[in-house]
Amino acid sequence: MAAARLGRTDSRTSKPRRKSQRSSKRSGASQPEILYAIESARAEEIDRLLLLSLRYSEVERDLIEERMAAIGSVIVSS
């Protein structure tokens, strides 16, 4: 009976060890992929923000030019 208990405890303790080894192998293999995905997402976010700021500055510039033209036409007609 003691041998049966010993066999049970061995199988119980070996399973979590196997799981932890497997999970560490998986996490080690996927870390570069995760880092690449995070870095790629950051780069996409920066690109998106850069494009938005460029569009905003173009719109701002167009508005300024329109206002200056309107002021210029008022001054010339006066």
N, C-alpha and C. Protein backbone atom coordinates (compact mmCIF):
# COMPACT_ATOMS: atom_id res chain seq x y z
N MET A 1 0.82 -1.19 0.00
CA MET A 1 0.00 0.00 0.00
C MET A 1 0.87 1.26 0.00
N ALA A 2 1.98 1.18 0.66
CA ALA A 2 2.90 2.32 0.68
C ALA A 2 3.46 2.56 -0.70
N ALA A 3 3.69 1.50 -1.45
CA ALA A 3 4.21 1.64 -2.82
C ALA A 3 3.16 2.30 -3.71
N ALA A 4 1.90 1.98 -3.49
CA ALA A 4 0.84 2.58 -4.29
C ALA A 4 0.74 4.07 -4.00
N ARG A 5 0.88 4.46 -2.75
CA ARG A 5 0.85 5.87 -2.40
C ARG A 5 2.05 6.60 -2.99
N LEU A 6 3.19 5.95 -2.93
CA LEU A 6 4.39 6.56 -3.47
C LEU A 6 4.25 6.78 -4.98
N GLY A 7 3.67 5.82 -5.65
CA GLY A 7 3.44 5.94 -7.09
C GLY A 7 2.49 7.08 -7.41
N ARG A 8 1.48 7.25 -6.59
CA ARG A 8 0.53 8.33 -6.80
C ARG A 8 1.18 9.70 -6.61
N THR A 9 1.97 9.82 -5.57
CA THR A 9 2.60 11.12 -5.31
C THR A 9 3.62 11.47 -6.38
N ASP A 10 4.32 10.48 -6.89
CA ASP A 10 5.28 10.74 -7.97
C ASP A 10 4.57 11.26 -9.20
N SER A 11 3.47 10.62 -9.54
CA SER A 11 2.76 11.06 -10.75
C SER A 11 2.15 12.45 -10.54
N ARG A 12 1.73 12.73 -9.33
CA ARG A 12 1.15 14.04 -9.06
C ARG A 12 2.21 15.14 -9.11
N THR A 13 3.38 14.88 -8.58
CA THR A 13 4.40 15.91 -8.56
C THR A 13 5.07 16.07 -9.92
N SER A 14 5.11 15.03 -10.71
CA SER A 14 5.78 15.13 -12.00
C SER A 14 4.93 15.88 -13.02
N LYS A 15 3.63 15.82 -12.91
CA LYS A 15 2.77 16.50 -13.88
C LYS A 15 2.92 18.02 -13.83
N PRO A 16 2.87 18.66 -12.65
CA PRO A 16 3.05 20.11 -12.63
C PRO A 16 4.43 20.52 -13.14
N ARG A 17 5.44 19.71 -12.87
CA ARG A 17 6.76 20.04 -13.39
C ARG A 17 6.77 20.02 -14.90
N ARG A 18 6.13 19.01 -15.46
CA ARG A 18 6.05 18.93 -16.92
C ARG A 18 5.30 20.14 -17.48
N LYS A 19 4.21 20.51 -16.85
CA LYS A 19 3.44 21.65 -17.33
C LYS A 19 4.24 22.94 -17.25
N SER A 20 4.98 23.12 -16.16
CA SER A 20 5.76 24.35 -16.04
C SER A 20 6.88 24.38 -17.07
N GLN A 21 7.48 23.25 -17.36
CA GLN A 21 8.52 23.21 -18.37
C GLN A 21 7.94 23.50 -19.74
N ARG A 22 6.80 22.93 -20.03
CA ARG A 22 6.17 23.18 -21.33
C ARG A 22 5.77 24.64 -21.48
N SER A 23 5.17 25.19 -20.43
CA SER A 23 4.74 26.58 -20.52
C SER A 23 5.93 27.52 -20.65
N SER A 24 7.05 27.20 -19.97
CA SER A 24 8.22 28.08 -20.09
C SER A 24 8.81 28.00 -21.49
N LYS A 25 8.76 26.82 -22.09
CA LYS A 25 9.26 26.70 -23.46
C LYS A 25 8.38 27.51 -24.42
N ARG A 26 7.08 27.43 -24.22
CA ARG A 26 6.18 28.19 -25.08
C ARG A 26 6.38 29.69 -24.92
N SER A 27 6.47 30.13 -23.67
CA SER A 27 6.62 31.57 -23.45
C SER A 27 7.97 32.06 -23.96
N GLY A 28 9.01 31.24 -23.85
CA GLY A 28 10.32 31.62 -24.36
C GLY A 28 10.31 31.74 -25.87
N ALA A 29 9.59 30.87 -26.54
CA ALA A 29 9.54 30.89 -28.00
C ALA A 29 8.67 32.04 -28.50
N SER A 30 7.66 32.40 -27.74
CA SER A 30 6.75 33.43 -28.22
C SER A 30 7.16 34.84 -27.82
N GLN A 31 8.13 34.99 -26.92
CA GLN A 31 8.54 36.32 -26.48
C GLN A 31 9.01 37.19 -27.64
N PRO A 32 9.86 36.72 -28.54
CA PRO A 32 10.25 37.58 -29.67
C PRO A 32 9.05 37.97 -30.53
N GLU A 33 8.12 37.04 -30.69
CA GLU A 33 6.92 37.35 -31.48
C GLU A 33 6.08 38.42 -30.79
N ILE A 34 5.95 38.32 -29.47
CA ILE A 34 5.18 39.30 -28.72
C ILE A 34 5.86 40.66 -28.79
N LEU A 35 7.17 40.68 -28.59
CA LEU A 35 7.91 41.94 -28.66
C LEU A 35 7.80 42.57 -30.05
N TYR A 36 7.88 41.75 -31.08
CA TYR A 36 7.75 42.25 -32.44
C TYR A 36 6.36 42.82 -32.66
N ALA A 37 5.35 42.14 -32.15
CA ALA A 37 3.97 42.62 -32.31
C ALA A 37 3.77 43.95 -31.58
N ILE A 38 4.33 44.07 -30.38
CA ILE A 38 4.21 45.32 -29.62
C ILE A 38 4.94 46.44 -30.33
N GLU A 39 6.15 46.14 -30.79
CA GLU A 39 6.94 47.15 -31.50
C GLU A 39 6.25 47.57 -32.79
N SER A 40 5.68 46.62 -33.48
CA SER A 40 4.96 46.92 -34.72
C SER A 40 3.74 47.78 -34.45
N ALA A 41 3.02 47.47 -33.37
CA ALA A 41 1.84 48.26 -33.02
C ALA A 41 2.24 49.68 -32.65
N ARG A 42 3.36 49.83 -31.95
CA ARG A 42 3.84 51.18 -31.60
C ARG A 42 4.21 51.95 -32.85
N ALA A 43 4.89 51.29 -33.78
CA ALA A 43 5.29 51.95 -35.02
C ALA A 43 4.06 52.38 -35.82
N GLU A 44 3.05 51.52 -35.86
CA GLU A 44 1.81 51.87 -36.57
C GLU A 44 1.13 53.05 -35.90
N GLU A 45 1.13 53.08 -34.58
CA GLU A 45 0.51 54.18 -33.84
C GLU A 45 1.25 55.49 -34.11
N ILE A 46 2.58 55.42 -34.12
CA ILE A 46 3.38 56.62 -34.42
C ILE A 46 3.11 57.10 -35.83
N ASP A 47 3.07 56.17 -36.78
CA ASP A 47 2.78 56.53 -38.17
C ASP A 47 1.40 57.18 -38.29
N ARG A 48 0.43 56.60 -37.60
CA ARG A 48 -0.93 57.14 -37.66
C ARG A 48 -0.97 58.55 -37.07
N LEU A 49 -0.31 58.73 -35.93
CA LEU A 49 -0.29 60.06 -35.31
C LEU A 49 0.46 61.07 -36.17
N LEU A 50 1.53 60.64 -36.81
CA LEU A 50 2.27 61.53 -37.69
C LEU A 50 1.41 61.97 -38.87
N LEU A 51 0.70 61.04 -39.48
CA LEU A 51 -0.18 61.39 -40.59
C LEU A 51 -1.30 62.33 -40.14
N LEU A 52 -1.86 62.07 -38.98
CA LEU A 52 -2.91 62.96 -38.47
C LEU A 52 -2.38 64.36 -38.23
N SER A 53 -1.17 64.47 -37.69
CA SER A 53 -0.62 65.79 -37.44
C SER A 53 -0.29 66.51 -38.74
N LEU A 54 0.17 65.78 -39.73
CA LEU A 54 0.43 66.40 -41.04
C LEU A 54 -0.86 66.90 -41.68
N ARG A 55 -1.91 66.08 -41.60
CA ARG A 55 -3.21 66.52 -42.15
C ARG A 55 -3.71 67.76 -41.41
N TYR A 56 -3.58 67.75 -40.10
CA TYR A 56 -4.02 68.88 -39.30
C TYR A 56 -3.25 70.14 -39.70
N SER A 57 -1.94 70.02 -39.86
CA SER A 57 -1.14 71.19 -40.21
C SER A 57 -1.49 71.69 -41.62
N GLU A 58 -1.81 70.78 -42.54
CA GLU A 58 -2.22 71.19 -43.88
C GLU A 58 -3.55 71.95 -43.83
N VAL A 59 -4.49 71.45 -43.06
CA VAL A 59 -5.78 72.11 -42.92
C VAL A 59 -5.59 73.47 -42.26
N GLU A 60 -4.77 73.51 -41.24
CA GLU A 60 -4.48 74.76 -40.54
C GLU A 60 -3.87 75.78 -41.51
N ARG A 61 -2.91 75.31 -42.31
CA ARG A 61 -2.25 76.20 -43.27
C ARG A 61 -3.26 76.72 -44.31
N ASP A 62 -4.12 75.84 -44.78
CA ASP A 62 -5.14 76.26 -45.76
C ASP A 62 -6.07 77.31 -45.16
N LEU A 63 -6.47 77.10 -43.91
CA LEU A 63 -7.35 78.08 -43.26
C LEU A 63 -6.64 79.43 -43.11
N ILE A 64 -5.38 79.40 -42.72
CA ILE A 64 -4.62 80.65 -42.57
C ILE A 64 -4.51 81.37 -43.91
N GLU A 65 -4.22 80.59 -44.96
CA GLU A 65 -4.10 81.21 -46.30
C GLU A 65 -5.43 81.82 -46.74
N GLU A 66 -6.54 81.12 -46.47
CA GLU A 66 -7.86 81.65 -46.83
C GLU A 66 -8.16 82.93 -46.06
N ARG A 67 -7.84 82.95 -44.77
CA ARG A 67 -8.07 84.16 -43.97
C ARG A 67 -7.22 85.32 -44.45
N MET A 68 -5.95 85.02 -44.76
CA MET A 68 -5.07 86.07 -45.25
C MET A 68 -5.56 86.62 -46.59
N ALA A 69 -6.06 85.72 -47.45
CA ALA A 69 -6.59 86.16 -48.73
C ALA A 69 -7.84 87.01 -48.53
N ALA A 70 -8.70 86.61 -47.58
CA ALA A 70 -9.91 87.38 -47.31
C ALA A 70 -9.56 88.75 -46.75
N ILE A 71 -8.60 88.81 -45.85
CA ILE A 71 -8.17 90.09 -45.28
C ILE A 71 -7.53 90.95 -46.37
N GLY A 72 -6.72 90.31 -47.22
CA GLY A 72 -6.07 91.04 -48.31
C GLY A 72 -7.07 91.63 -49.28
N SER A 73 -8.12 90.89 -49.57
CA SER A 73 -9.12 91.41 -50.50
C SER A 73 -9.93 92.53 -49.87
N VAL A 74 -10.12 92.51 -48.57
CA VAL A 74 -10.84 93.57 -47.87
C VAL A 74 -9.97 94.83 -47.88
N ILE A 75 -8.68 94.68 -47.63
CA ILE A 75 -7.78 95.81 -47.60
C ILE A 75 -7.64 96.43 -49.00
N VAL A 76 -7.54 95.60 -50.03
CA VAL A 76 -7.38 96.09 -51.40
C VAL A 76 -8.65 96.81 -51.86
N SER A 77 -9.82 96.28 -51.50
CA SER A 77 -11.08 96.90 -51.94
C SER A 77 -11.40 98.17 -51.19
N SER A 78 -10.79 98.39 -50.05
CA SER A 78 -11.08 99.59 -49.25
C SER A 78 -10.44 100.77 -49.81
